[in-house]
Amino acid sequence: MQNLRFAISIIILGVILSGCKKEPTPQETMTSTEAPPKKQEEPQKEEETRKEAAMGLTLQWLGHASFKICHEDTILYIDPWKLKDSPHDATLVLVSHSHYDHYSPDDIAKVSGPDTKLIASPDVIAKEKKGESIMSGIIVKLDGVNLTGVAAYNPDKDFHPKSNNWVGFVIEIDSKRIYYAGDTDLTEEMKALQNIDVALLPVGGTYTMDAAEAAEAVEQFKPKMAIPYHWGDIVGGRSDAEQFAKAAKCETKILTPGETIHLK
């Protein structure tokens, strides 16, 4: 009987000790040759940029007066403002003047990387303390892109004085000449433009050309295509863009914010 009680005690002790045994952690069960599983990440914005580059020359309206132009290794932003994302993918940022809806340090930071170049009106360069200034008539030649400054001002209003040396840009890229007007009315400098493939023109009125004046500008320098901007925020609406498209004597395209087109 005593031997039976001793045997039962030994069995019970063994059960208790096995219940207290520590379960190995996942790290402990991993052999020394195994590495932790890699996180599968492919940044969405980098993927979008690669797709845009594969399309050739593309132009995207980011809303208001902001555009993105992509061709191969060149990613160019114009007057970035109110951007939702921070892609840090720009090779070049252009800023036409220092009004808050065109010069936004926060949005420039969102698109800029360590090698991004800034080219802007002199007042913007003075504020940023970096970059290269451009004025009307100045030509800047870069890898894959040539820029020419075009005066942007109101001849008969005080919002954008000519003396401020604010600018638009003729952007030569992939054999195309794209004109970004900046904040301006119809000027003699604009009338003198030649061989423009795509004209990006403000149509909102008050601070810039309205739809009728923008249509007159098209009649003067005859771009192959025109895209209206400076509507949908602050001043101007889609009806202004539609009025311009109806009156302009060239091909027109009204973009929605975020829309990208391929420039053939």
C-alpha atoms as a PDB file:
ATOM      1  CA  MET A   1       0.000   0.000   0.000  1.00  0.00           C
ATOM      2  CA  GLN A   2       2.828   2.376   0.912  1.00  0.00           C
ATOM      3  CA  ASN A   3       4.515   1.621  -2.417  1.00  0.00           C
ATOM      4  CA  LEU A   4       1.287   2.428  -4.289  1.00  0.00           C
ATOM      5  CA  ARG A   5       0.956   5.795  -2.542  1.00  0.00           C
ATOM      6  CA  PHE A   6       4.607   6.595  -3.422  1.00  0.00           C
ATOM      7  CA  ALA A   7       4.031   5.738  -7.100  1.00  0.00           C
ATOM      8  CA  ILE A   8       0.919   7.948  -7.263  1.00  0.00           C
ATOM      9  CA  SER A   9       2.866  10.832  -5.698  1.00  0.00           C
ATOM     10  CA  ILE A  10       5.609  10.495  -8.326  1.00  0.00           C
ATOM     11  CA  ILE A  11       2.990  10.595 -11.156  1.00  0.00           C
ATOM     12  CA  ILE A  12       1.257  13.692  -9.708  1.00  0.00           C
ATOM     13  CA  LEU A  13       4.623  15.513  -9.331  1.00  0.00           C
ATOM     14  CA  GLY A  14       5.499  14.739 -12.962  1.00  0.00           C
ATOM     15  CA  VAL A  15       2.201  16.166 -14.191  1.00  0.00           C
ATOM     16  CA  ILE A  16       2.737  19.379 -12.194  1.00  0.00           C
ATOM     17  CA  LEU A  17       6.277  19.867 -13.503  1.00  0.00           C
ATOM     18  CA  SER A  18       5.259  19.333 -17.127  1.00  0.00           C
ATOM     19  CA  GLY A  19       2.473  21.917 -16.744  1.00  0.00           C
ATOM     20  CA  CYS A  20       4.996  24.517 -15.592  1.00  0.00           C
ATOM     21  CA  LYS A  21       7.267  24.028 -18.608  1.00  0.00           C
ATOM     22  CA  LYS A  22       7.787  27.347 -20.487  1.00  0.00           C
ATOM     23  CA  GLU A  23       6.459  27.401 -24.051  1.00  0.00           C
ATOM     24  CA  PRO A  24       9.068  28.606 -26.542  1.00  0.00           C
ATOM     25  CA  THR A  25       8.513  32.073 -28.032  1.00  0.00           C
ATOM     26  CA  PRO A  26       8.337  32.501 -31.823  1.00  0.00           C
ATOM     27  CA  GLN A  27      11.813  34.000 -31.668  1.00  0.00           C
ATOM     28  CA  GLU A  28      13.140  30.983 -29.755  1.00  0.00           C
ATOM     29  CA  THR A  29      11.682  28.517 -32.241  1.00  0.00           C
ATOM     30  CA  MET A  30      13.299  30.362 -35.159  1.00  0.00           C
ATOM     31  CA  THR A  31      16.602  28.842 -36.161  1.00  0.00           C
ATOM     32  CA  SER A  32      19.724  31.001 -36.389  1.00  0.00           C
ATOM     33  CA  THR A  33      19.633  30.823 -40.177  1.00  0.00           C
ATOM     34  CA  GLU A  34      16.075  32.185 -40.406  1.00  0.00           C
ATOM     35  CA  ALA A  35      15.454  35.931 -40.792  1.00  0.00           C
ATOM     36  CA  PRO A  36      12.273  37.687 -39.684  1.00  0.00           C
ATOM     37  CA  PRO A  37       9.766  37.843 -42.521  1.00  0.00           C
ATOM     38  CA  LYS A  38      10.286  40.982 -44.594  1.00  0.00           C
ATOM     39  CA  LYS A  39       7.497  43.502 -44.670  1.00  0.00           C
ATOM     40  CA  GLN A  40       6.098  43.637 -48.173  1.00  0.00           C
ATOM     41  CA  GLU A  41       6.084  47.339 -48.950  1.00  0.00           C
ATOM     42  CA  GLU A  42       5.911  49.126 -52.259  1.00  0.00           C
ATOM     43  CA  PRO A  43       5.250  52.831 -51.720  1.00  0.00           C
ATOM     44  CA  GLN A  44       2.175  53.665 -53.732  1.00  0.00           C
ATOM     45  CA  LYS A  45       3.449  57.025 -54.893  1.00  0.00           C
ATOM     46  CA  GLU A  46       6.685  55.555 -56.259  1.00  0.00           C
ATOM     47  CA  GLU A  47       4.631  53.014 -58.200  1.00  0.00           C
ATOM     48  CA  GLU A  48       2.428  55.773 -59.607  1.00  0.00           C
ATOM     49  CA  THR A  49       5.511  57.746 -60.641  1.00  0.00           C
ATOM     50  CA  ARG A  50       6.918  54.726 -62.484  1.00  0.00           C
ATOM     51  CA  LYS A  51       3.611  54.262 -64.300  1.00  0.00           C
ATOM     52  CA  GLU A  52       3.562  57.933 -65.291  1.00  0.00           C
ATOM     53  CA  ALA A  53       7.118  57.698 -66.616  1.00  0.00           C
ATOM     54  CA  ALA A  54       6.150  54.667 -68.679  1.00  0.00           C
ATOM     55  CA  MET A  55       3.377  56.703 -70.305  1.00  0.00           C
ATOM     56  CA  GLY A  56       5.853  59.164 -71.828  1.00  0.00           C
ATOM     57  CA  LEU A  57       5.056  62.841 -71.276  1.00  0.00           C
ATOM     58  CA  THR A  58       2.181  63.354 -68.867  1.00  0.00           C
ATOM     59  CA  LEU A  59       0.514  66.373 -67.325  1.00  0.00           C
ATOM     60  CA  GLN A  60      -1.581  66.280 -64.162  1.00  0.00           C
ATOM     61  CA  TRP A  61      -3.731  69.075 -62.757  1.00  0.00           C
ATOM     62  CA  LEU A  62      -3.447  69.044 -58.977  1.00  0.00           C
ATOM     63  CA  GLY A  63      -6.163  71.670 -58.514  1.00  0.00           C
ATOM     64  CA  HIS A  64      -6.288  75.491 -58.560  1.00  0.00           C
ATOM     65  CA  ALA A  65      -2.990  76.562 -60.202  1.00  0.00           C
ATOM     66  CA  SER A  66      -0.883  73.467 -59.438  1.00  0.00           C
ATOM     67  CA  PHE A  67       0.419  71.029 -62.050  1.00  0.00           C
ATOM     68  CA  LYS A  68       2.724  68.025 -62.249  1.00  0.00           C
ATOM     69  CA  ILE A  69       4.617  67.148 -65.436  1.00  0.00           C
ATOM     70  CA  CYS A  70       6.448  63.832 -65.827  1.00  0.00           C
ATOM     71  CA  HIS A  71       8.796  62.578 -68.512  1.00  0.00           C
ATOM     72  CA  GLU A  72      11.266  59.746 -67.970  1.00  0.00           C
ATOM     73  CA  ASP A  73      13.432  60.804 -64.996  1.00  0.00           C
ATOM     74  CA  THR A  74      12.037  64.341 -64.823  1.00  0.00           C
ATOM     75  CA  ILE A  75       9.247  65.066 -62.353  1.00  0.00           C
ATOM     76  CA  LEU A  76       8.306  68.723 -62.374  1.00  0.00           C
ATOM     77  CA  TYR A  77       5.828  70.530 -60.120  1.00  0.00           C
ATOM     78  CA  ILE A  78       4.411  73.991 -60.783  1.00  0.00           C
ATOM     79  CA  ASP A  79       3.102  76.090 -57.872  1.00  0.00           C
ATOM     80  CA  PRO A  80       2.278  73.103 -55.607  1.00  0.00           C
ATOM     81  CA  TRP A  81      -0.491  73.984 -53.124  1.00  0.00           C
ATOM     82  CA  LYS A  82      -2.917  72.053 -50.919  1.00  0.00           C
ATOM     83  CA  LEU A  83      -1.346  68.694 -51.727  1.00  0.00           C
ATOM     84  CA  LYS A  84      -2.806  65.693 -49.909  1.00  0.00           C
ATOM     85  CA  ASP A  85       0.281  63.487 -50.213  1.00  0.00           C
ATOM     86  CA  SER A  86       4.019  63.877 -49.632  1.00  0.00           C
ATOM     87  CA  PRO A  87       5.664  61.996 -52.512  1.00  0.00           C
ATOM     88  CA  HIS A  88       9.116  63.642 -52.219  1.00  0.00           C
ATOM     89  CA  ASP A  89       9.639  62.778 -55.885  1.00  0.00           C
ATOM     90  CA  ALA A  90      10.303  66.150 -57.542  1.00  0.00           C
ATOM     91  CA  THR A  91      13.401  66.725 -59.615  1.00  0.00           C
ATOM     92  CA  LEU A  92      12.280  70.299 -60.274  1.00  0.00           C
ATOM     93  CA  VAL A  93       9.846  72.729 -58.620  1.00  0.00           C
ATOM     94  CA  LEU A  94       8.738  75.931 -60.359  1.00  0.00           C
ATOM     95  CA  VAL A  95       7.064  78.759 -58.435  1.00  0.00           C
ATOM     96  CA  SER A  96       5.639  81.725 -60.308  1.00  0.00           C
ATOM     97  CA  HIS A  97       5.293  84.230 -57.455  1.00  0.00           C
ATOM     98  CA  SER A  98       4.942  84.589 -53.709  1.00  0.00           C
ATOM     99  CA  HIS A  99       1.153  84.749 -53.230  1.00  0.00           C
ATOM    100  CA  TYR A 100       0.132  82.072 -50.728  1.00  0.00           C
ATOM    101  CA  ASP A 101      -1.872  80.000 -53.217  1.00  0.00           C
ATOM    102  CA  HIS A 102       1.223  79.659 -55.447  1.00  0.00           C
ATOM    103  CA  TYR A 103       4.141  79.736 -53.019  1.00  0.00           C
ATOM    104  CA  SER A 104       3.564  77.237 -50.224  1.00  0.00           C
ATOM    105  CA  PRO A 105       6.713  76.206 -48.324  1.00  0.00           C
ATOM    106  CA  ASP A 106       4.862  73.259 -46.770  1.00  0.00           C
ATOM    107  CA  ASP A 107       3.839  71.904 -50.156  1.00  0.00           C
ATOM    108  CA  ILE A 108       7.282  72.459 -51.649  1.00  0.00           C
ATOM    109  CA  ALA A 109       8.626  70.358 -48.763  1.00  0.00           C
ATOM    110  CA  LYS A 110       6.058  67.628 -49.505  1.00  0.00           C
ATOM    111  CA  VAL A 111       7.334  67.110 -53.046  1.00  0.00           C
ATOM    112  CA  SER A 112      11.028  67.834 -52.513  1.00  0.00           C
ATOM    113  CA  GLY A 113      13.837  65.339 -52.039  1.00  0.00           C
ATOM    114  CA  PRO A 114      17.557  65.856 -51.391  1.00  0.00           C
ATOM    115  CA  ASP A 115      18.291  66.600 -55.074  1.00  0.00           C
ATOM    116  CA  THR A 116      15.236  68.702 -55.961  1.00  0.00           C
ATOM    117  CA  LYS A 117      16.001  71.985 -57.728  1.00  0.00           C
ATOM    118  CA  LEU A 118      13.867  75.075 -57.128  1.00  0.00           C
ATOM    119  CA  ILE A 119      13.457  77.715 -59.844  1.00  0.00           C
ATOM    120  CA  ALA A 120      11.206  80.621 -58.979  1.00  0.00           C
ATOM    121  CA  SER A 121      10.575  84.336 -59.099  1.00  0.00           C
ATOM    122  CA  PRO A 122      13.188  86.431 -57.230  1.00  0.00           C
ATOM    123  CA  ASP A 123      10.939  87.103 -54.216  1.00  0.00           C
ATOM    124  CA  VAL A 124      10.348  83.374 -53.669  1.00  0.00           C
ATOM    125  CA  ILE A 125      14.076  82.626 -53.877  1.00  0.00           C
ATOM    126  CA  ALA A 126      14.713  85.381 -51.332  1.00  0.00           C
ATOM    127  CA  LYS A 127      12.246  83.760 -48.931  1.00  0.00           C
ATOM    128  CA  GLU A 128      13.508  80.205 -49.484  1.00  0.00           C
ATOM    129  CA  LYS A 129      17.186  81.255 -49.352  1.00  0.00           C
ATOM    130  CA  LYS A 130      17.987  78.601 -51.952  1.00  0.00           C
ATOM    131  CA  GLY A 131      17.292  77.795 -55.583  1.00  0.00           C
ATOM    132  CA  GLU A 132      17.673  79.821 -58.765  1.00  0.00           C
ATOM    133  CA  SER A 133      15.680  82.901 -59.699  1.00  0.00           C
ATOM    134  CA  ILE A 134      14.121  83.426 -63.114  1.00  0.00           C
ATOM    135  CA  MET A 135      12.595  86.530 -64.677  1.00  0.00           C
ATOM    136  CA  SER A 136      11.006  87.404 -67.978  1.00  0.00           C
ATOM    137  CA  GLY A 137      13.283  86.545 -70.899  1.00  0.00           C
ATOM    138  CA  ILE A 138      15.754  84.504 -68.859  1.00  0.00           C
ATOM    139  CA  ILE A 139      16.485  80.998 -70.170  1.00  0.00           C
ATOM    140  CA  VAL A 140      17.482  78.174 -67.832  1.00  0.00           C
ATOM    141  CA  LYS A 141      18.796  74.952 -69.365  1.00  0.00           C
ATOM    142  CA  LEU A 142      18.639  71.778 -67.325  1.00  0.00           C
ATOM    143  CA  ASP A 143      18.917  68.056 -67.976  1.00  0.00           C
ATOM    144  CA  GLY A 144      15.944  67.246 -70.190  1.00  0.00           C
ATOM    145  CA  VAL A 145      14.187  70.580 -69.613  1.00  0.00           C
ATOM    146  CA  ASN A 146      14.633  74.137 -70.909  1.00  0.00           C
ATOM    147  CA  LEU A 147      12.788  76.993 -69.204  1.00  0.00           C
ATOM    148  CA  THR A 148      12.065  80.517 -70.363  1.00  0.00           C
ATOM    149  CA  GLY A 149      10.581  83.101 -68.035  1.00  0.00           C
ATOM    150  CA  VAL A 150       7.543  85.045 -69.312  1.00  0.00           C
ATOM    151  CA  ALA A 151       6.287  88.166 -67.552  1.00  0.00           C
ATOM    152  CA  ALA A 152       3.046  87.630 -65.605  1.00  0.00           C
ATOM    153  CA  TYR A 153       1.144  90.709 -64.456  1.00  0.00           C
ATOM    154  CA  ASN A 154      -2.063  92.758 -64.557  1.00  0.00           C
ATOM    155  CA  PRO A 155      -1.705  95.749 -66.910  1.00  0.00           C
ATOM    156  CA  ASP A 156      -4.736  97.511 -65.440  1.00  0.00           C
ATOM    157  CA  LYS A 157      -5.072  96.063 -61.937  1.00  0.00           C
ATOM    158  CA  ASP A 158      -2.937  96.194 -58.800  1.00  0.00           C
ATOM    159  CA  PHE A 159      -2.949  92.534 -57.781  1.00  0.00           C
ATOM    160  CA  HIS A 160       0.126  91.543 -59.796  1.00  0.00           C
ATOM    161  CA  PRO A 161       2.258  94.580 -60.699  1.00  0.00           C
ATOM    162  CA  LYS A 162       4.728  94.202 -63.544  1.00  0.00           C
ATOM    163  CA  SER A 163       7.439  95.708 -61.348  1.00  0.00           C
ATOM    164  CA  ASN A 164       7.327  92.632 -59.076  1.00  0.00           C
ATOM    165  CA  ASN A 165       9.037  90.550 -61.766  1.00  0.00           C
ATOM    166  CA  TRP A 166       6.603  87.657 -61.357  1.00  0.00           C
ATOM    167  CA  VAL A 167       6.604  85.040 -64.056  1.00  0.00           C
ATOM    168  CA  GLY A 168       5.042  82.319 -66.089  1.00  0.00           C
ATOM    169  CA  PHE A 169       7.128  79.680 -67.823  1.00  0.00           C
ATOM    170  CA  VAL A 170       7.629  78.166 -71.247  1.00  0.00           C
ATOM    171  CA  ILE A 171       8.698  74.622 -70.470  1.00  0.00           C
ATOM    172  CA  GLU A 172      10.421  72.707 -73.275  1.00  0.00           C
ATOM    173  CA  ILE A 173      10.361  68.992 -72.561  1.00  0.00           C
ATOM    174  CA  ASP A 174      10.234  65.915 -74.824  1.00  0.00           C
ATOM    175  CA  SER A 175      10.014  68.152 -77.931  1.00  0.00           C
ATOM    176  CA  LYS A 176       6.905  69.883 -76.510  1.00  0.00           C
ATOM    177  CA  ARG A 177       6.524  73.532 -75.553  1.00  0.00           C
ATOM    178  CA  ILE A 178       4.209  73.958 -72.561  1.00  0.00           C
ATOM    179  CA  TYR A 179       3.271  77.473 -71.445  1.00  0.00           C
ATOM    180  CA  TYR A 180       2.221  78.032 -67.844  1.00  0.00           C
ATOM    181  CA  ALA A 181       0.901  81.583 -67.605  1.00  0.00           C
ATOM    182  CA  GLY A 182       1.059  82.201 -63.852  1.00  0.00           C
ATOM    183  CA  ASP A 183      -1.258  84.864 -62.426  1.00  0.00           C
ATOM    184  CA  THR A 184      -1.695  87.264 -65.300  1.00  0.00           C
ATOM    185  CA  ASP A 185      -3.964  89.040 -67.692  1.00  0.00           C
ATOM    186  CA  LEU A 186      -3.373  89.131 -71.431  1.00  0.00           C
ATOM    187  CA  THR A 187      -0.055  90.911 -71.968  1.00  0.00           C
ATOM    188  CA  GLU A 188       2.144  91.877 -74.881  1.00  0.00           C
ATOM    189  CA  GLU A 189       4.656  89.252 -73.774  1.00  0.00           C
ATOM    190  CA  MET A 190       1.965  86.581 -73.976  1.00  0.00           C
ATOM    191  CA  LYS A 191       0.818  87.737 -77.398  1.00  0.00           C
ATOM    192  CA  ALA A 192       4.382  87.309 -78.686  1.00  0.00           C
ATOM    193  CA  LEU A 193       4.613  83.610 -77.781  1.00  0.00           C
ATOM    194  CA  GLN A 194       5.158  81.177 -80.633  1.00  0.00           C
ATOM    195  CA  ASN A 195       4.930  77.442 -81.250  1.00  0.00           C
ATOM    196  CA  ILE A 196       3.142  76.565 -78.018  1.00  0.00           C
ATOM    197  CA  ASP A 197       1.843  73.009 -77.905  1.00  0.00           C
ATOM    198  CA  VAL A 198      -0.070  73.277 -74.622  1.00  0.00           C
ATOM    199  CA  ALA A 199      -1.140  76.512 -72.904  1.00  0.00           C
ATOM    200  CA  LEU A 200      -2.129  76.427 -69.233  1.00  0.00           C
ATOM    201  CA  LEU A 201      -4.222  79.546 -68.717  1.00  0.00           C
ATOM    202  CA  PRO A 202      -6.033  81.093 -65.726  1.00  0.00           C
ATOM    203  CA  VAL A 203      -9.733  81.760 -66.355  1.00  0.00           C
ATOM    204  CA  GLY A 204     -11.182  82.642 -62.946  1.00  0.00           C
ATOM    205  CA  GLY A 205     -11.209  86.411 -63.377  1.00  0.00           C
ATOM    206  CA  THR A 206     -10.792  89.074 -60.662  1.00  0.00           C
ATOM    207  CA  TYR A 207      -7.064  88.473 -60.077  1.00  0.00           C
ATOM    208  CA  THR A 208      -6.302  87.059 -63.528  1.00  0.00           C
ATOM    209  CA  MET A 209      -7.813  86.708 -66.980  1.00  0.00           C
ATOM    210  CA  ASP A 210     -11.434  85.676 -67.118  1.00  0.00           C
ATOM    211  CA  ALA A 211     -12.745  83.159 -69.639  1.00  0.00           C
ATOM    212  CA  ALA A 212     -13.294  85.704 -72.398  1.00  0.00           C
ATOM    213  CA  GLU A 213      -9.840  87.249 -72.048  1.00  0.00           C
ATOM    214  CA  ALA A 214      -8.215  83.808 -71.964  1.00  0.00           C
ATOM    215  CA  ALA A 215     -10.057  82.939 -75.191  1.00  0.00           C
ATOM    216  CA  GLU A 216      -8.723  86.173 -76.703  1.00  0.00           C
ATOM    217  CA  ALA A 217      -5.207  85.169 -75.605  1.00  0.00           C
ATOM    218  CA  VAL A 218      -5.579  81.867 -77.464  1.00  0.00           C
ATOM    219  CA  GLU A 219      -6.589  83.797 -80.569  1.00  0.00           C
ATOM    220  CA  GLN A 220      -3.418  85.882 -80.251  1.00  0.00           C
ATOM    221  CA  PHE A 221      -0.671  83.265 -79.833  1.00  0.00           C
ATOM    222  CA  LYS A 222      -2.507  80.186 -81.190  1.00  0.00           C
ATOM    223  CA  PRO A 223      -1.490  77.207 -79.025  1.00  0.00           C
ATOM    224  CA  LYS A 224      -2.393  73.747 -80.273  1.00  0.00           C
ATOM    225  CA  MET A 225      -4.207  72.957 -77.006  1.00  0.00           C
ATOM    226  CA  ALA A 226      -5.317  74.985 -73.986  1.00  0.00           C
ATOM    227  CA  ILE A 227      -6.162  73.859 -70.455  1.00  0.00           C
ATOM    228  CA  PRO A 228      -7.921  76.252 -68.054  1.00  0.00           C
ATOM    229  CA  TYR A 229      -6.930  76.574 -64.394  1.00  0.00           C
ATOM    230  CA  HIS A 230      -7.401  79.017 -61.500  1.00  0.00           C
ATOM    231  CA  TRP A 231     -10.976  77.887 -61.016  1.00  0.00           C
ATOM    232  CA  GLY A 232     -12.674  75.766 -58.361  1.00  0.00           C
ATOM    233  CA  ASP A 233     -10.896  77.454 -55.427  1.00  0.00           C
ATOM    234  CA  ILE A 234     -10.744  81.067 -54.204  1.00  0.00           C
ATOM    235  CA  VAL A 235     -12.384  82.462 -57.347  1.00  0.00           C
ATOM    236  CA  GLY A 236     -13.952  81.025 -60.483  1.00  0.00           C
ATOM    237  CA  GLY A 237     -15.937  77.851 -61.069  1.00  0.00           C
ATOM    238  CA  ARG A 238     -16.372  75.118 -63.634  1.00  0.00           C
ATOM    239  CA  SER A 239     -18.723  77.374 -65.590  1.00  0.00           C
ATOM    240  CA  ASP A 240     -15.754  79.687 -66.253  1.00  0.00           C
ATOM    241  CA  ALA A 241     -13.721  76.762 -67.579  1.00  0.00           C
ATOM    242  CA  GLU A 242     -16.643  75.675 -69.764  1.00  0.00           C
ATOM    243  CA  GLN A 243     -17.161  79.214 -71.074  1.00  0.00           C
ATOM    244  CA  PHE A 244     -13.489  79.363 -72.011  1.00  0.00           C
ATOM    245  CA  ALA A 245     -13.590  75.961 -73.727  1.00  0.00           C
ATOM    246  CA  LYS A 246     -16.601  77.048 -75.757  1.00  0.00           C
ATOM    247  CA  ALA A 247     -15.026  80.342 -76.863  1.00  0.00           C
ATOM    248  CA  ALA A 248     -11.415  79.237 -77.444  1.00  0.00           C
ATOM    249  CA  LYS A 249     -10.434  78.629 -81.068  1.00  0.00           C
ATOM    250  CA  CYS A 250      -8.200  75.654 -80.361  1.00  0.00           C
ATOM    251  CA  GLU A 251      -8.474  72.235 -78.818  1.00  0.00           C
ATOM    252  CA  THR A 252      -9.306  72.527 -75.124  1.00  0.00           C
ATOM    253  CA  LYS A 253      -9.353  70.115 -72.222  1.00  0.00           C
ATOM    254  CA  ILE A 254     -11.070  70.735 -68.888  1.00  0.00           C
ATOM    255  CA  LEU A 255      -9.385  68.590 -66.244  1.00  0.00           C
ATOM    256  CA  THR A 256     -10.729  67.521 -62.884  1.00  0.00           C
ATOM    257  CA  PRO A 257      -8.394  67.817 -59.870  1.00  0.00           C
ATOM    258  CA  GLY A 258      -5.974  64.901 -59.914  1.00  0.00           C
ATOM    259  CA  GLU A 259      -6.637  64.005 -63.561  1.00  0.00           C
ATOM    260  CA  THR A 260      -3.634  63.072 -65.710  1.00  0.00           C
ATOM    261  CA  ILE A 261      -3.400  63.277 -69.492  1.00  0.00           C
ATOM    262  CA  HIS A 262      -0.796  61.930 -71.888  1.00  0.00           C
ATOM    263  CA  LEU A 263       0.671  64.599 -74.169  1.00  0.00           C
ATOM    264  CA  LYS A 264       1.374  62.898 -77.490  1.00  0.00           C
END
